N, C-alpha and C. Protein backbone atom coordinates (compact mmCIF):
# COMPACT_ATOMS: atom_id res chain seq x y z
N MET A 1 27.01 81.47 152.94
CA MET A 1 28.37 81.83 152.59
C MET A 1 29.11 80.64 151.98
N LYS A 2 28.94 79.44 152.56
CA LYS A 2 29.61 78.26 152.03
C LYS A 2 29.14 77.95 150.62
N LEU A 3 27.85 78.15 150.35
CA LEU A 3 27.31 77.92 149.01
C LEU A 3 27.95 78.87 148.00
N LEU A 4 28.08 80.14 148.39
CA LEU A 4 28.70 81.13 147.51
C LEU A 4 30.15 80.74 147.20
N LYS A 5 30.89 80.33 148.23
CA LYS A 5 32.28 79.91 148.02
C LYS A 5 32.35 78.70 147.09
N ARG A 6 31.41 77.77 147.26
CA ARG A 6 31.38 76.59 146.42
C ARG A 6 31.08 76.95 144.97
N LEU A 7 30.11 77.88 144.78
CA LEU A 7 29.77 78.31 143.42
C LEU A 7 30.94 79.02 142.75
N ILE A 8 31.56 79.93 143.50
CA ILE A 8 32.71 80.66 142.95
C ILE A 8 33.85 79.69 142.67
N GLY A 9 34.07 78.77 143.60
CA GLY A 9 35.12 77.78 143.43
C GLY A 9 34.90 76.90 142.21
N SER A 10 33.66 76.48 141.96
CA SER A 10 33.39 75.63 140.81
C SER A 10 33.53 76.40 139.51
N LYS A 11 33.12 77.68 139.51
CA LYS A 11 33.30 78.51 138.31
C LYS A 11 34.78 78.72 138.03
N GLN A 12 35.55 78.98 139.09
CA GLN A 12 36.99 79.19 138.92
C GLN A 12 37.65 77.92 138.42
N ALA A 13 37.23 76.78 138.92
CA ALA A 13 37.80 75.50 138.47
C ALA A 13 37.53 75.29 136.99
N LYS A 14 36.32 75.66 136.55
CA LYS A 14 35.97 75.53 135.13
C LYS A 14 36.83 76.46 134.28
N VAL A 15 37.01 77.69 134.74
CA VAL A 15 37.85 78.66 134.03
C VAL A 15 39.29 78.14 133.97
N ASN A 16 39.80 77.65 135.10
CA ASN A 16 41.17 77.11 135.14
C ASN A 16 41.33 75.96 134.16
N CYS A 17 40.35 75.08 134.11
CA CYS A 17 40.39 73.93 133.20
C CYS A 17 40.42 74.39 131.75
N GLU A 18 39.59 75.38 131.42
CA GLU A 18 39.56 75.91 130.05
C GLU A 18 40.89 76.58 129.70
N LEU A 19 41.42 77.35 130.66
CA LEU A 19 42.71 78.01 130.42
C LEU A 19 43.82 76.99 130.20
N SER A 20 43.87 75.97 131.04
CA SER A 20 44.94 74.98 130.90
C SER A 20 44.77 74.19 129.60
N ASP A 21 43.53 73.92 129.20
CA ASP A 21 43.30 73.22 127.93
C ASP A 21 43.76 74.07 126.74
N ASP A 22 43.42 75.36 126.76
CA ASP A 22 43.84 76.27 125.69
C ASP A 22 45.37 76.41 125.65
N LEU A 23 45.94 76.55 126.83
CA LEU A 23 47.39 76.70 126.93
C LEU A 23 48.09 75.44 126.42
N ARG A 24 47.62 74.28 126.84
CA ARG A 24 48.23 73.03 126.40
C ARG A 24 48.09 72.86 124.88
N ALA A 25 46.92 73.19 124.33
CA ALA A 25 46.72 73.05 122.88
C ALA A 25 47.70 73.93 122.12
N SER A 26 47.88 75.15 122.57
CA SER A 26 48.82 76.06 121.92
C SER A 26 50.26 75.58 122.08
N ALA A 27 50.59 75.09 123.28
CA ALA A 27 51.94 74.57 123.52
C ALA A 27 52.22 73.35 122.65
N GLU A 28 51.24 72.48 122.51
CA GLU A 28 51.43 71.28 121.70
C GLU A 28 51.57 71.59 120.22
N LYS A 29 51.07 72.76 119.80
CA LYS A 29 51.24 73.20 118.41
C LYS A 29 52.62 73.81 118.18
N GLY A 30 53.40 73.95 119.26
CA GLY A 30 54.76 74.43 119.12
C GLY A 30 54.99 75.89 119.48
N ASP A 31 53.98 76.57 120.04
CA ASP A 31 54.15 77.97 120.42
C ASP A 31 55.06 78.06 121.64
N ALA A 32 56.23 78.68 121.47
CA ALA A 32 57.24 78.72 122.54
C ALA A 32 56.75 79.46 123.78
N SER A 33 56.05 80.57 123.60
CA SER A 33 55.54 81.31 124.78
C SER A 33 54.56 80.46 125.56
N SER A 34 53.68 79.75 124.86
CA SER A 34 52.72 78.87 125.54
C SER A 34 53.44 77.71 126.23
N GLN A 35 54.49 77.19 125.60
CA GLN A 35 55.26 76.12 126.22
C GLN A 35 55.90 76.61 127.53
N ASN A 36 56.47 77.81 127.50
CA ASN A 36 57.06 78.38 128.71
C ASN A 36 55.99 78.59 129.77
N ASP A 37 54.84 79.15 129.37
CA ASP A 37 53.76 79.38 130.33
C ASP A 37 53.22 78.07 130.90
N LEU A 38 53.13 77.05 130.08
CA LEU A 38 52.67 75.75 130.57
C LEU A 38 53.70 75.17 131.55
N GLY A 39 54.98 75.37 131.25
CA GLY A 39 56.02 74.97 132.19
C GLY A 39 55.85 75.66 133.54
N LYS A 40 55.58 76.96 133.51
CA LYS A 40 55.34 77.70 134.76
C LYS A 40 54.12 77.17 135.50
N ALA A 41 53.05 76.89 134.73
CA ALA A 41 51.83 76.38 135.35
C ALA A 41 52.07 75.04 136.04
N PHE A 42 52.84 74.16 135.41
CA PHE A 42 53.16 72.88 136.05
C PHE A 42 54.10 73.09 137.23
N PHE A 43 55.05 74.00 137.09
CA PHE A 43 56.00 74.24 138.18
C PHE A 43 55.29 74.77 139.42
N LEU A 44 54.34 75.69 139.21
CA LEU A 44 53.64 76.32 140.34
C LEU A 44 52.36 75.60 140.75
N GLY A 45 51.85 74.73 139.86
CA GLY A 45 50.59 74.06 140.14
C GLY A 45 49.40 75.00 139.99
N THR A 46 49.41 75.84 138.95
CA THR A 46 48.32 76.78 138.71
C THR A 46 47.45 76.32 137.55
N PHE A 47 46.38 77.06 137.30
CA PHE A 47 45.40 76.77 136.24
C PHE A 47 44.80 75.37 136.39
N GLY A 48 44.66 74.93 137.63
CA GLY A 48 44.06 73.63 137.86
C GLY A 48 44.98 72.45 137.60
N LEU A 49 46.24 72.71 137.29
CA LEU A 49 47.19 71.63 137.04
C LEU A 49 47.87 71.21 138.34
N THR A 50 48.15 69.95 138.46
CA THR A 50 48.89 69.45 139.61
C THR A 50 50.36 69.83 139.46
N LYS A 51 50.94 70.28 140.55
CA LYS A 51 52.36 70.66 140.50
C LYS A 51 53.19 69.45 140.10
N ASP A 52 54.01 69.63 139.05
CA ASP A 52 54.83 68.54 138.52
C ASP A 52 56.09 69.15 137.92
N GLU A 53 57.17 69.12 138.70
CA GLU A 53 58.41 69.78 138.28
C GLU A 53 59.04 69.13 137.07
N ALA A 54 58.95 67.82 136.94
CA ALA A 54 59.51 67.14 135.77
C ALA A 54 58.75 67.55 134.50
N GLU A 55 57.43 67.65 134.61
CA GLU A 55 56.62 68.08 133.47
C GLU A 55 56.92 69.55 133.14
N ALA A 56 57.16 70.36 134.15
CA ALA A 56 57.53 71.76 133.93
C ALA A 56 58.82 71.83 133.11
N VAL A 57 59.81 71.04 133.49
CA VAL A 57 61.09 71.02 132.78
C VAL A 57 60.89 70.62 131.33
N LYS A 58 60.04 69.63 131.09
CA LYS A 58 59.76 69.18 129.72
C LYS A 58 59.30 70.35 128.85
N TRP A 59 58.37 71.15 129.37
CA TRP A 59 57.83 72.27 128.58
C TRP A 59 58.81 73.42 128.49
N TYR A 60 59.54 73.70 129.58
CA TYR A 60 60.58 74.73 129.52
C TYR A 60 61.60 74.37 128.43
N ARG A 61 62.00 73.10 128.40
CA ARG A 61 63.01 72.67 127.43
C ARG A 61 62.51 72.86 125.99
N LYS A 62 61.26 72.49 125.74
CA LYS A 62 60.70 72.66 124.39
C LYS A 62 60.78 74.13 123.95
N ALA A 63 60.42 75.03 124.84
CA ALA A 63 60.48 76.46 124.52
C ALA A 63 61.93 76.95 124.43
N ALA A 64 62.77 76.49 125.36
CA ALA A 64 64.17 76.92 125.39
C ALA A 64 64.90 76.51 124.11
N GLU A 65 64.57 75.34 123.60
CA GLU A 65 65.21 74.87 122.37
C GLU A 65 64.76 75.68 121.15
N GLN A 66 63.70 76.47 121.32
CA GLN A 66 63.26 77.39 120.26
C GLN A 66 63.79 78.81 120.52
N ASN A 67 64.79 78.91 121.39
CA ASN A 67 65.44 80.18 121.74
C ASN A 67 64.54 81.15 122.47
N HIS A 68 63.62 80.65 123.27
CA HIS A 68 62.77 81.50 124.10
C HIS A 68 63.58 81.84 125.36
N ALA A 69 63.97 83.12 125.50
CA ALA A 69 64.89 83.53 126.56
C ALA A 69 64.34 83.26 127.96
N ASP A 70 63.07 83.56 128.20
CA ASP A 70 62.51 83.29 129.54
C ASP A 70 62.56 81.80 129.87
N ALA A 71 62.25 80.97 128.88
CA ALA A 71 62.30 79.52 129.11
C ALA A 71 63.73 79.05 129.36
N GLN A 72 64.69 79.63 128.66
CA GLN A 72 66.09 79.27 128.89
C GLN A 72 66.50 79.63 130.32
N TYR A 73 66.08 80.80 130.76
CA TYR A 73 66.36 81.23 132.13
C TYR A 73 65.68 80.30 133.13
N ASN A 74 64.40 79.99 132.90
CA ASN A 74 63.67 79.08 133.80
C ASN A 74 64.31 77.70 133.84
N LEU A 75 64.71 77.20 132.69
CA LEU A 75 65.36 75.89 132.63
C LEU A 75 66.70 75.93 133.37
N GLY A 76 67.42 77.01 133.21
CA GLY A 76 68.67 77.18 133.95
C GLY A 76 68.46 77.07 135.46
N TRP A 77 67.40 77.71 135.96
CA TRP A 77 67.12 77.64 137.40
C TRP A 77 66.75 76.23 137.83
N ARG A 78 66.03 75.50 136.99
CA ARG A 78 65.68 74.13 137.38
C ARG A 78 66.95 73.30 137.54
N TYR A 79 67.91 73.47 136.62
CA TYR A 79 69.19 72.74 136.76
C TYR A 79 69.99 73.26 137.95
N ALA A 80 69.98 74.55 138.19
CA ALA A 80 70.73 75.11 139.32
C ALA A 80 70.21 74.58 140.65
N GLU A 81 68.90 74.39 140.74
CA GLU A 81 68.30 73.95 141.99
C GLU A 81 68.04 72.45 142.05
N GLY A 82 68.16 71.78 140.91
CA GLY A 82 67.87 70.35 140.88
C GLY A 82 66.40 70.07 141.09
N ARG A 83 65.55 70.85 140.46
CA ARG A 83 64.11 70.70 140.60
C ARG A 83 63.52 70.22 139.28
N GLY A 84 63.09 68.96 139.25
CA GLY A 84 62.55 68.37 138.04
C GLY A 84 63.62 67.70 137.19
N VAL A 85 64.86 67.96 137.51
CA VAL A 85 66.04 67.36 136.85
C VAL A 85 67.12 67.22 137.91
N PRO A 86 68.11 66.35 137.67
CA PRO A 86 69.23 66.30 138.61
C PRO A 86 69.99 67.64 138.61
N LYS A 87 70.46 68.06 139.76
CA LYS A 87 71.21 69.31 139.86
C LYS A 87 72.46 69.22 139.00
N ASP A 88 72.66 70.24 138.17
CA ASP A 88 73.82 70.27 137.26
C ASP A 88 74.16 71.74 137.01
N GLU A 89 75.12 72.25 137.77
CA GLU A 89 75.46 73.67 137.70
C GLU A 89 76.02 74.07 136.34
N ALA A 90 76.79 73.20 135.70
CA ALA A 90 77.33 73.52 134.37
C ALA A 90 76.19 73.63 133.35
N GLU A 91 75.22 72.74 133.44
CA GLU A 91 74.06 72.80 132.53
C GLU A 91 73.24 74.06 132.82
N ALA A 92 73.14 74.43 134.08
CA ALA A 92 72.43 75.67 134.44
C ALA A 92 73.10 76.87 133.79
N VAL A 93 74.42 76.94 133.88
CA VAL A 93 75.16 78.06 133.29
C VAL A 93 74.96 78.09 131.77
N LYS A 94 74.93 76.92 131.15
CA LYS A 94 74.70 76.86 129.70
C LYS A 94 73.40 77.55 129.32
N TRP A 95 72.32 77.27 130.07
CA TRP A 95 71.02 77.87 129.76
C TRP A 95 70.96 79.33 130.17
N PHE A 96 71.59 79.70 131.29
CA PHE A 96 71.65 81.11 131.67
C PHE A 96 72.37 81.90 130.59
N CYS A 97 73.45 81.33 130.07
CA CYS A 97 74.24 82.00 129.04
C CYS A 97 73.41 82.21 127.77
N LYS A 98 72.66 81.20 127.36
CA LYS A 98 71.82 81.33 126.16
C LYS A 98 70.82 82.47 126.33
N ALA A 99 70.21 82.56 127.50
CA ALA A 99 69.25 83.64 127.76
C ALA A 99 69.96 84.99 127.86
N ALA A 100 71.11 85.02 128.53
CA ALA A 100 71.86 86.27 128.69
C ALA A 100 72.30 86.83 127.34
N GLU A 101 72.67 85.94 126.43
CA GLU A 101 73.09 86.38 125.11
C GLU A 101 71.93 86.98 124.31
N GLN A 102 70.70 86.74 124.78
CA GLN A 102 69.53 87.35 124.15
C GLN A 102 69.09 88.61 124.90
N ASN A 103 69.94 89.08 125.78
CA ASN A 103 69.70 90.32 126.52
C ASN A 103 68.69 90.14 127.65
N HIS A 104 68.60 88.95 128.21
CA HIS A 104 67.72 88.67 129.35
C HIS A 104 68.45 89.16 130.61
N ALA A 105 67.98 90.25 131.18
CA ALA A 105 68.68 90.91 132.29
C ALA A 105 68.84 90.01 133.51
N ASP A 106 67.81 89.25 133.87
CA ASP A 106 67.92 88.39 135.04
C ASP A 106 68.95 87.28 134.81
N ALA A 107 69.01 86.77 133.58
CA ALA A 107 70.01 85.75 133.26
C ALA A 107 71.41 86.35 133.30
N GLN A 108 71.56 87.59 132.83
CA GLN A 108 72.86 88.25 132.89
C GLN A 108 73.30 88.43 134.34
N ALA A 109 72.36 88.84 135.20
CA ALA A 109 72.68 89.01 136.62
C ALA A 109 73.06 87.68 137.26
N ARG A 110 72.32 86.62 136.94
CA ARG A 110 72.63 85.30 137.51
C ARG A 110 73.98 84.80 137.01
N LEU A 111 74.25 85.03 135.72
CA LEU A 111 75.52 84.62 135.15
C LEU A 111 76.69 85.35 135.84
N SER A 112 76.48 86.61 136.19
CA SER A 112 77.54 87.34 136.91
C SER A 112 77.82 86.67 138.25
N GLN A 113 76.77 86.20 138.93
CA GLN A 113 76.96 85.49 140.20
C GLN A 113 77.71 84.19 139.99
N CYS A 114 77.36 83.48 138.93
CA CYS A 114 78.03 82.20 138.65
C CYS A 114 79.51 82.41 138.42
N TYR A 115 79.86 83.40 137.59
CA TYR A 115 81.28 83.66 137.33
C TYR A 115 81.99 84.19 138.56
N TYR A 116 81.34 85.02 139.34
CA TYR A 116 81.98 85.56 140.54
C TYR A 116 82.28 84.46 141.56
N ASN A 117 81.33 83.56 141.74
CA ASN A 117 81.47 82.51 142.75
C ASN A 117 82.04 81.19 142.21
N GLY A 118 82.24 81.09 140.90
CA GLY A 118 82.73 79.85 140.33
C GLY A 118 81.70 78.74 140.39
N ILE A 119 80.45 79.06 140.12
CA ILE A 119 79.36 78.07 140.15
C ILE A 119 79.09 77.59 138.73
N GLY A 120 79.48 76.37 138.43
CA GLY A 120 79.25 75.80 137.10
C GLY A 120 80.26 76.23 136.06
N VAL A 121 81.09 77.18 136.40
CA VAL A 121 82.17 77.68 135.53
C VAL A 121 83.35 78.05 136.42
N PRO A 122 84.55 78.11 135.84
CA PRO A 122 85.67 78.59 136.66
C PRO A 122 85.44 80.05 137.09
N LYS A 123 85.87 80.39 138.28
CA LYS A 123 85.73 81.75 138.78
C LYS A 123 86.45 82.70 137.83
N ASP A 124 85.77 83.79 137.43
CA ASP A 124 86.32 84.73 136.46
C ASP A 124 85.73 86.11 136.74
N LEU A 125 86.51 86.96 137.42
CA LEU A 125 86.03 88.28 137.79
C LEU A 125 85.72 89.16 136.59
N PHE A 126 86.49 89.01 135.52
CA PHE A 126 86.25 89.80 134.32
C PHE A 126 84.87 89.47 133.74
N GLU A 127 84.58 88.18 133.56
CA GLU A 127 83.27 87.76 133.02
C GLU A 127 82.15 88.16 133.98
N ALA A 128 82.38 88.02 135.28
CA ALA A 128 81.37 88.41 136.26
C ALA A 128 81.05 89.89 136.12
N TYR A 129 82.09 90.70 136.00
CA TYR A 129 81.89 92.15 135.90
C TYR A 129 81.21 92.52 134.58
N LYS A 130 81.58 91.84 133.51
CA LYS A 130 80.96 92.11 132.20
C LYS A 130 79.46 91.84 132.24
N TRP A 131 79.06 90.65 132.71
CA TRP A 131 77.64 90.31 132.73
C TRP A 131 76.87 91.17 133.72
N GLU A 132 77.50 91.49 134.84
CA GLU A 132 76.86 92.39 135.81
C GLU A 132 76.63 93.76 135.20
N SER A 133 77.60 94.25 134.46
CA SER A 133 77.47 95.57 133.81
C SER A 133 76.31 95.58 132.83
N LEU A 134 76.19 94.54 132.04
CA LEU A 134 75.08 94.46 131.07
C LEU A 134 73.74 94.39 131.79
N ALA A 135 73.66 93.64 132.87
CA ALA A 135 72.40 93.52 133.62
C ALA A 135 72.01 94.86 134.24
N ARG A 136 72.98 95.59 134.74
CA ARG A 136 72.70 96.85 135.41
C ARG A 136 72.18 97.92 134.45
N VAL A 137 72.51 97.81 133.18
CA VAL A 137 71.95 98.74 132.19
C VAL A 137 70.42 98.66 132.22
N LYS A 138 69.90 97.48 132.49
CA LYS A 138 68.46 97.25 132.48
C LYS A 138 67.87 97.23 133.89
N GLY A 139 68.64 97.74 134.86
CA GLY A 139 68.13 97.87 136.22
C GLY A 139 68.18 96.62 137.07
N ARG A 140 68.87 95.60 136.62
CA ARG A 140 68.99 94.36 137.39
C ARG A 140 70.42 94.28 137.96
N HIS A 141 70.56 93.51 139.01
CA HIS A 141 71.90 93.25 139.52
C HIS A 141 71.91 91.90 140.22
N GLY A 142 73.06 91.27 140.14
CA GLY A 142 73.24 89.98 140.78
C GLY A 142 74.21 90.07 141.94
N LEU A 143 75.03 91.12 141.92
CA LEU A 143 76.07 91.27 142.93
C LEU A 143 75.87 92.58 143.69
N SER A 144 76.26 92.58 144.95
CA SER A 144 76.06 93.77 145.79
C SER A 144 77.10 94.84 145.50
N GLY A 145 76.80 96.04 145.93
CA GLY A 145 77.71 97.16 145.75
C GLY A 145 79.11 96.91 146.29
N PRO A 146 79.27 96.40 147.52
CA PRO A 146 80.61 96.14 148.04
C PRO A 146 81.39 95.12 147.19
N ILE A 147 80.69 94.13 146.64
CA ILE A 147 81.37 93.16 145.78
C ILE A 147 81.83 93.83 144.49
N ILE A 148 80.98 94.69 143.92
CA ILE A 148 81.35 95.43 142.70
C ILE A 148 82.57 96.28 142.99
N ASP A 149 82.57 96.98 144.14
CA ASP A 149 83.73 97.81 144.52
C ASP A 149 84.99 96.96 144.60
N GLN A 150 84.87 95.80 145.21
CA GLN A 150 86.02 94.90 145.35
C GLN A 150 86.51 94.44 143.98
N MET A 151 85.58 94.09 143.09
CA MET A 151 85.98 93.64 141.76
C MET A 151 86.67 94.76 140.99
N GLU A 152 86.15 95.97 141.12
CA GLU A 152 86.76 97.10 140.41
C GLU A 152 88.19 97.35 140.85
N LYS A 153 88.48 97.09 142.10
CA LYS A 153 89.85 97.25 142.61
C LYS A 153 90.76 96.17 142.04
N GLN A 154 90.19 95.01 141.71
CA GLN A 154 90.99 93.90 141.20
C GLN A 154 91.17 93.94 139.69
N LEU A 155 90.28 94.63 138.99
CA LEU A 155 90.42 94.74 137.53
C LEU A 155 91.46 95.79 137.20
N THR A 156 92.26 95.51 136.20
CA THR A 156 93.22 96.50 135.73
C THR A 156 92.47 97.56 134.93
N PRO A 157 93.06 98.75 134.74
CA PRO A 157 92.40 99.76 133.90
C PRO A 157 92.12 99.23 132.49
N GLU A 158 93.00 98.38 131.99
CA GLU A 158 92.80 97.81 130.66
C GLU A 158 91.58 96.89 130.64
N GLN A 159 91.44 96.08 131.69
CA GLN A 159 90.28 95.19 131.77
C GLN A 159 88.99 96.01 131.90
N PHE A 160 89.04 97.04 132.71
CA PHE A 160 87.87 97.90 132.90
C PHE A 160 87.47 98.53 131.56
N ALA A 161 88.44 99.03 130.81
CA ALA A 161 88.16 99.63 129.49
C ALA A 161 87.63 98.58 128.52
N LEU A 162 88.16 97.37 128.60
CA LEU A 162 87.69 96.30 127.72
C LEU A 162 86.24 95.95 128.02
N VAL A 163 85.86 95.90 129.29
CA VAL A 163 84.46 95.64 129.64
C VAL A 163 83.59 96.72 129.01
N GLN A 164 84.02 97.97 129.11
CA GLN A 164 83.26 99.06 128.50
C GLN A 164 83.06 98.83 127.01
N ARG A 165 84.14 98.48 126.31
CA ARG A 165 84.04 98.25 124.85
C ARG A 165 83.15 97.06 124.54
N LEU A 166 83.30 95.98 125.30
CA LEU A 166 82.47 94.79 125.06
C LEU A 166 80.99 95.08 125.29
N CYS A 167 80.69 95.85 126.31
CA CYS A 167 79.30 96.19 126.58
C CYS A 167 78.72 97.06 125.47
N ARG A 168 79.50 98.00 124.98
CA ARG A 168 79.02 98.84 123.88
C ARG A 168 78.83 98.02 122.61
N ALA A 169 79.66 97.01 122.41
CA ALA A 169 79.60 96.20 121.19
C ALA A 169 78.63 95.02 121.32
N PHE A 170 78.08 94.82 122.52
CA PHE A 170 77.22 93.66 122.75
C PHE A 170 76.01 93.68 121.81
N LYS A 171 75.82 92.60 121.10
CA LYS A 171 74.69 92.44 120.19
C LYS A 171 73.94 91.17 120.60
N PRO A 172 72.77 91.33 121.21
CA PRO A 172 72.04 90.14 121.65
C PRO A 172 71.51 89.34 120.48
N ARG A 173 71.45 88.03 120.71
CA ARG A 173 70.82 87.16 119.71
C ARG A 173 69.32 87.34 119.83
N GLY A 174 68.67 87.67 118.75
CA GLY A 174 67.21 87.69 118.72
C GLY A 174 66.54 88.77 119.54
N GLY A 175 67.27 89.79 119.97
CA GLY A 175 66.65 90.85 120.76
C GLY A 175 67.13 92.21 120.31
N PRO A 176 66.59 93.26 120.90
CA PRO A 176 67.02 94.61 120.53
C PRO A 176 68.46 94.86 120.94
N ASP A 177 69.14 95.69 120.22
CA ASP A 177 70.53 96.02 120.50
C ASP A 177 70.58 97.02 121.66
N PRO A 178 71.14 96.63 122.81
CA PRO A 178 71.19 97.57 123.94
C PRO A 178 72.27 98.62 123.73
N ARG A 179 72.08 99.75 124.39
CA ARG A 179 73.13 100.76 124.35
C ARG A 179 74.21 100.34 125.33
N GLY A 180 75.42 100.77 125.09
CA GLY A 180 76.53 100.43 125.98
C GLY A 180 76.38 101.11 127.31
N ILE A 181 77.36 100.96 128.18
CA ILE A 181 77.27 101.56 129.50
C ILE A 181 78.50 102.38 129.81
N SER A 182 78.35 103.27 130.72
CA SER A 182 79.42 104.07 131.25
C SER A 182 79.08 104.28 132.72
N TRP A 183 79.96 104.90 133.48
CA TRP A 183 79.68 105.13 134.88
C TRP A 183 79.91 106.58 135.22
N GLU A 184 79.11 107.08 136.15
CA GLU A 184 79.25 108.45 136.61
C GLU A 184 80.26 108.48 137.75
N GLY A 185 81.22 109.32 137.63
CA GLY A 185 82.16 109.53 138.72
C GLY A 185 82.97 108.31 139.11
N LYS A 186 84.17 108.53 139.57
CA LYS A 186 85.04 107.43 139.95
C LYS A 186 84.54 106.70 141.19
N ASN A 187 83.86 107.41 142.08
CA ASN A 187 83.42 106.80 143.33
C ASN A 187 82.10 106.05 143.23
N ASP A 188 81.39 106.16 142.11
CA ASP A 188 80.11 105.47 142.00
C ASP A 188 80.01 104.80 140.64
N ARG A 189 80.82 103.81 140.41
CA ARG A 189 80.82 103.09 139.15
C ARG A 189 79.64 102.12 139.04
N ARG A 190 78.97 101.88 140.13
CA ARG A 190 77.85 100.94 140.10
C ARG A 190 76.65 101.49 139.33
N LYS A 191 76.51 102.80 139.27
CA LYS A 191 75.35 103.40 138.63
C LYS A 191 75.60 103.44 137.12
N ALA A 192 74.97 102.53 136.41
CA ALA A 192 75.16 102.46 134.96
C ALA A 192 74.35 103.52 134.26
N ILE A 193 74.94 104.17 133.27
CA ILE A 193 74.24 105.13 132.43
C ILE A 193 74.58 104.82 130.99
N PRO A 194 73.72 105.16 130.04
CA PRO A 194 74.04 104.88 128.64
C PRO A 194 75.31 105.57 128.19
N CYS A 195 76.09 104.89 127.36
CA CYS A 195 77.28 105.50 126.76
C CYS A 195 76.83 106.48 125.68
N VAL A 196 77.63 107.46 125.45
CA VAL A 196 77.34 108.44 124.40
C VAL A 196 77.88 107.94 123.08
């Protein structure tokens, strides 16, 4: 049994080495998806690579600067948590915003949390509600139902209508144009449905 484990382990190590070599070669040629994947591999310590958060940030940044939304989101989290870089909430919000503007649902949900709690940006319920609304169109959420209910009570009808218009007019950078949102019934505004 030990021999079998050793054989499988050595074959897997060889495969991991080949994968990391191929991934690195593609990343070094400037492929943004490969750069993001290499960043993940360094962050998690996969494909036979030693876990190295600073190296992960280096590759995330290369991809993020090429407008790769997943890399922008990943880089935002590194700044939010101070992993591989000094913690900088304002810098985290900058990268979350870049990804959110490309219709990255998880970034939109995280941005709603940042605006709701005043993390890296001044607290702004309108912006929190706007980004949360966009994220919920794609099935993501950053804020709980009771918080959404509370925010809806604090928004004026004009602000609520403006969020609706902004969501319908939202045009992501470099991504497909999402449909706007509306809500079913006055008592369940959390359930986003496409606008007509």
